[in-house]
Amino acid sequence: MINYLIANGWHFSKGASDFAASLMKKKKAGTKDEQEPIKPYTKEEVDELLKKYGVTLENNQLYDYVYIANKAKADYWGSSIEDEKHLALHIKDEIDDVDRKEGIIMKMWHTMVRGNGVAVPWLELLD
């Protein structure tokens, strides 16, 4: 973990973003509690989405915005986020939140996965 933090700080590298997305699930349509893995967005897909809706991120670090896009897809898509435009705006809201402290996006994820008993393979997440 220390080597990862030295290289990336409390921000998602490509490897960390991919690992986080691999753990994400959404409620399976038409079921009460059944879950299924999401098909994660790539960096290129998120970049294209933001460009399409004229959204510019001011405070992004590394792959934090890709993590946010995939988290929104898993947790909010089809509920509070109904379309791509609102997904793009959600990403901006999360990344450019004025009272959000440095590195908090990854710190919140780390707290969640540790709470869920997931071992993070830190060395494998170094790019």
C-alpha atoms as a PDB file:
ATOM      1  CA  MET A   1       0.000   0.000   0.000  1.00  0.00           C
ATOM      2  CA  ILE A   2       2.828   2.402   0.839  1.00  0.00           C
ATOM      3  CA  ASN A   3       4.419   1.899  -2.593  1.00  0.00           C
ATOM      4  CA  TYR A   4       1.061   2.571  -4.263  1.00  0.00           C
ATOM      5  CA  LEU A   5       0.519   5.750  -2.240  1.00  0.00           C
ATOM      6  CA  ILE A   6       4.049   6.981  -2.991  1.00  0.00           C
ATOM      7  CA  ALA A   7       3.372   6.549  -6.716  1.00  0.00           C
ATOM      8  CA  ASN A   8      -0.244   7.769  -6.894  1.00  0.00           C
ATOM      9  CA  GLY A   9      -1.252   9.369  -3.627  1.00  0.00           C
ATOM     10  CA  TRP A  10      -4.870   8.714  -2.609  1.00  0.00           C
ATOM     11  CA  HIS A  11      -5.970   8.643  -6.262  1.00  0.00           C
ATOM     12  CA  PHE A  12      -7.010   5.870  -8.610  1.00  0.00           C
ATOM     13  CA  SER A  13      -4.441   4.587 -11.071  1.00  0.00           C
ATOM     14  CA  LYS A  14      -5.757   2.708 -14.109  1.00  0.00           C
ATOM     15  CA  GLY A  15      -5.126  -0.566 -12.281  1.00  0.00           C
ATOM     16  CA  ALA A  16      -6.899   0.597  -9.126  1.00  0.00           C
ATOM     17  CA  SER A  17      -9.848   1.941 -11.101  1.00  0.00           C
ATOM     18  CA  ASP A  18     -10.117  -1.368 -13.004  1.00  0.00           C
ATOM     19  CA  PHE A  19      -9.905  -3.349  -9.754  1.00  0.00           C
ATOM     20  CA  ALA A  20     -12.565  -1.202  -8.075  1.00  0.00           C
ATOM     21  CA  ALA A  21     -14.877  -1.553 -11.091  1.00  0.00           C
ATOM     22  CA  SER A  22     -14.379  -5.337 -11.103  1.00  0.00           C
ATOM     23  CA  LEU A  23     -16.005  -5.437  -7.656  1.00  0.00           C
ATOM     24  CA  MET A  24     -19.020  -3.327  -8.649  1.00  0.00           C
ATOM     25  CA  LYS A  25     -22.443  -4.849  -9.043  1.00  0.00           C
ATOM     26  CA  LYS A  26     -25.871  -3.500  -9.831  1.00  0.00           C
ATOM     27  CA  LYS A  27     -29.317  -4.802  -9.045  1.00  0.00           C
ATOM     28  CA  LYS A  28     -30.390  -7.241 -11.732  1.00  0.00           C
ATOM     29  CA  ALA A  29     -33.437  -5.917 -13.589  1.00  0.00           C
ATOM     30  CA  GLY A  30     -36.702  -7.569 -12.640  1.00  0.00           C
ATOM     31  CA  THR A  31     -35.400  -9.038  -9.380  1.00  0.00           C
ATOM     32  CA  LYS A  32     -35.726  -7.995  -5.770  1.00  0.00           C
ATOM     33  CA  ASP A  33     -32.206  -8.618  -4.461  1.00  0.00           C
ATOM     34  CA  GLU A  34     -30.228 -10.359  -7.216  1.00  0.00           C
ATOM     35  CA  GLN A  35     -27.066  -8.576  -8.363  1.00  0.00           C
ATOM     36  CA  GLU A  36     -24.940  -8.723 -11.482  1.00  0.00           C
ATOM     37  CA  PRO A  37     -21.543  -7.252 -12.369  1.00  0.00           C
ATOM     38  CA  ILE A  38     -21.491  -4.016 -14.346  1.00  0.00           C
ATOM     39  CA  LYS A  39     -19.747  -3.629 -17.691  1.00  0.00           C
ATOM     40  CA  PRO A  40     -17.284  -0.914 -16.644  1.00  0.00           C
ATOM     41  CA  TYR A  41     -16.700   2.248 -18.600  1.00  0.00           C
ATOM     42  CA  THR A  42     -13.217   2.723 -19.986  1.00  0.00           C
ATOM     43  CA  LYS A  43     -11.327   5.999 -19.657  1.00  0.00           C
ATOM     44  CA  GLU A  44     -11.935   6.628 -23.343  1.00  0.00           C
ATOM     45  CA  GLU A  45     -15.685   6.111 -22.961  1.00  0.00           C
ATOM     46  CA  VAL A  46     -15.846   8.508 -20.010  1.00  0.00           C
ATOM     47  CA  ASP A  47     -13.744  11.079 -21.884  1.00  0.00           C
ATOM     48  CA  GLU A  48     -16.117  10.819 -24.852  1.00  0.00           C
ATOM     49  CA  LEU A  49     -19.171  11.154 -22.595  1.00  0.00           C
ATOM     50  CA  LEU A  50     -17.824  14.300 -20.926  1.00  0.00           C
ATOM     51  CA  LYS A  51     -16.886  15.821 -24.277  1.00  0.00           C
ATOM     52  CA  LYS A  52     -20.309  15.024 -25.749  1.00  0.00           C
ATOM     53  CA  TYR A  53     -22.031  17.082 -23.039  1.00  0.00           C
ATOM     54  CA  GLY A  54     -19.411  19.830 -22.808  1.00  0.00           C
ATOM     55  CA  VAL A  55     -18.389  18.905 -19.266  1.00  0.00           C
ATOM     56  CA  THR A  56     -14.928  19.986 -18.156  1.00  0.00           C
ATOM     57  CA  LEU A  57     -13.447  18.702 -14.924  1.00  0.00           C
ATOM     58  CA  GLU A  58     -11.382  21.196 -12.945  1.00  0.00           C
ATOM     59  CA  ASN A  59     -10.055  19.049 -10.087  1.00  0.00           C
ATOM     60  CA  ASN A  60      -9.619  15.534 -11.435  1.00  0.00           C
ATOM     61  CA  GLN A  61      -6.592  13.474 -10.460  1.00  0.00           C
ATOM     62  CA  LEU A  62      -5.554  10.394 -12.463  1.00  0.00           C
ATOM     63  CA  TYR A  63      -8.472   7.925 -12.858  1.00  0.00           C
ATOM     64  CA  ASP A  64     -10.684   9.249 -10.049  1.00  0.00           C
ATOM     65  CA  TYR A  65     -13.326  10.349 -12.570  1.00  0.00           C
ATOM     66  CA  VAL A  66     -13.426   6.912 -14.218  1.00  0.00           C
ATOM     67  CA  TYR A  67     -14.023   5.337 -10.797  1.00  0.00           C
ATOM     68  CA  ILE A  68     -16.845   7.842 -10.164  1.00  0.00           C
ATOM     69  CA  ALA A  69     -18.430   7.037 -13.547  1.00  0.00           C
ATOM     70  CA  ASN A  70     -18.424   3.313 -12.794  1.00  0.00           C
ATOM     71  CA  LYS A  71     -19.679   3.789  -9.247  1.00  0.00           C
ATOM     72  CA  ALA A  72     -22.553   5.883 -10.606  1.00  0.00           C
ATOM     73  CA  LYS A  73     -23.312   3.182 -13.184  1.00  0.00           C
ATOM     74  CA  ALA A  74     -23.442   0.535 -10.474  1.00  0.00           C
ATOM     75  CA  ASP A  75     -25.294   2.497  -7.796  1.00  0.00           C
ATOM     76  CA  TYR A  76     -27.384   5.214  -9.437  1.00  0.00           C
ATOM     77  CA  TRP A  77     -27.972   4.414 -13.132  1.00  0.00           C
ATOM     78  CA  GLY A  78     -31.662   4.008 -13.882  1.00  0.00           C
ATOM     79  CA  SER A  79     -32.624   5.505 -10.538  1.00  0.00           C
ATOM     80  CA  SER A  80     -31.384   8.990  -9.658  1.00  0.00           C
ATOM     81  CA  ILE A  81     -29.278   9.137 -12.846  1.00  0.00           C
ATOM     82  CA  GLU A  82     -31.578   8.602 -15.800  1.00  0.00           C
ATOM     83  CA  ASP A  83     -29.436   9.473 -18.815  1.00  0.00           C
ATOM     84  CA  GLU A  84     -25.899  10.118 -20.037  1.00  0.00           C
ATOM     85  CA  LYS A  85     -26.122  13.889 -19.636  1.00  0.00           C
ATOM     86  CA  HIS A  86     -26.949  13.537 -15.950  1.00  0.00           C
ATOM     87  CA  LEU A  87     -24.188  10.958 -15.560  1.00  0.00           C
ATOM     88  CA  ALA A  88     -21.699  13.462 -17.001  1.00  0.00           C
ATOM     89  CA  LEU A  89     -22.984  16.158 -14.630  1.00  0.00           C
ATOM     90  CA  HIS A  90     -22.795  13.744 -11.676  1.00  0.00           C
ATOM     91  CA  ILE A  91     -19.144  13.023 -12.475  1.00  0.00           C
ATOM     92  CA  LYS A  92     -18.412  16.768 -12.496  1.00  0.00           C
ATOM     93  CA  ASP A  93     -20.326  17.288  -9.239  1.00  0.00           C
ATOM     94  CA  GLU A  94     -18.298  14.566  -7.522  1.00  0.00           C
ATOM     95  CA  ILE A  95     -14.896  15.551  -8.895  1.00  0.00           C
ATOM     96  CA  ASP A  96     -15.300  19.314  -8.554  1.00  0.00           C
ATOM     97  CA  ASP A  97     -17.080  19.365  -5.174  1.00  0.00           C
ATOM     98  CA  VAL A  98     -15.597  22.462  -3.517  1.00  0.00           C
ATOM     99  CA  ASP A  99     -15.525  21.105   0.029  1.00  0.00           C
ATOM    100  CA  ARG A 100     -14.133  17.692  -0.848  1.00  0.00           C
ATOM    101  CA  LYS A 101     -10.692  17.104   0.642  1.00  0.00           C
ATOM    102  CA  GLU A 102      -7.743  15.864  -1.389  1.00  0.00           C
ATOM    103  CA  GLY A 103      -7.876  12.110  -1.985  1.00  0.00           C
ATOM    104  CA  ILE A 104     -11.243  11.562  -0.292  1.00  0.00           C
ATOM    105  CA  ILE A 105     -12.754   9.655  -3.244  1.00  0.00           C
ATOM    106  CA  MET A 106     -10.225   6.848  -2.930  1.00  0.00           C
ATOM    107  CA  LYS A 107     -10.189   7.006   0.868  1.00  0.00           C
ATOM    108  CA  MET A 108     -13.967   6.442   0.911  1.00  0.00           C
ATOM    109  CA  TRP A 109     -13.591   3.492  -1.488  1.00  0.00           C
ATOM    110  CA  HIS A 110     -10.782   2.032   0.628  1.00  0.00           C
ATOM    111  CA  THR A 111     -12.896   2.288   3.767  1.00  0.00           C
ATOM    112  CA  MET A 112     -15.801   0.563   2.010  1.00  0.00           C
ATOM    113  CA  VAL A 113     -13.782  -2.355   0.619  1.00  0.00           C
ATOM    114  CA  ARG A 114     -12.000  -2.911   3.929  1.00  0.00           C
ATOM    115  CA  GLY A 115     -15.373  -2.872   5.673  1.00  0.00           C
ATOM    116  CA  ASN A 116     -16.554  -5.498   3.191  1.00  0.00           C
ATOM    117  CA  GLY A 117     -13.507  -7.672   3.932  1.00  0.00           C
ATOM    118  CA  VAL A 118     -11.874  -7.244   0.515  1.00  0.00           C
ATOM    119  CA  ALA A 119      -8.096  -7.559   0.403  1.00  0.00           C
ATOM    120  CA  VAL A 120      -6.670  -4.923  -1.932  1.00  0.00           C
ATOM    121  CA  PRO A 121      -3.731  -6.245  -4.007  1.00  0.00           C
ATOM    122  CA  TRP A 122      -1.823  -2.941  -3.870  1.00  0.00           C
ATOM    123  CA  LEU A 123       1.271  -4.060  -5.787  1.00  0.00           C
ATOM    124  CA  GLU A 124      -0.856  -5.309  -8.674  1.00  0.00           C
ATOM    125  CA  LEU A 125      -2.543  -1.893  -8.904  1.00  0.00           C
ATOM    126  CA  LEU A 126       0.658  -0.021  -9.682  1.00  0.00           C
ATOM    127  CA  ASP A 127       0.750   1.077 -13.330  1.00  0.00           C
END
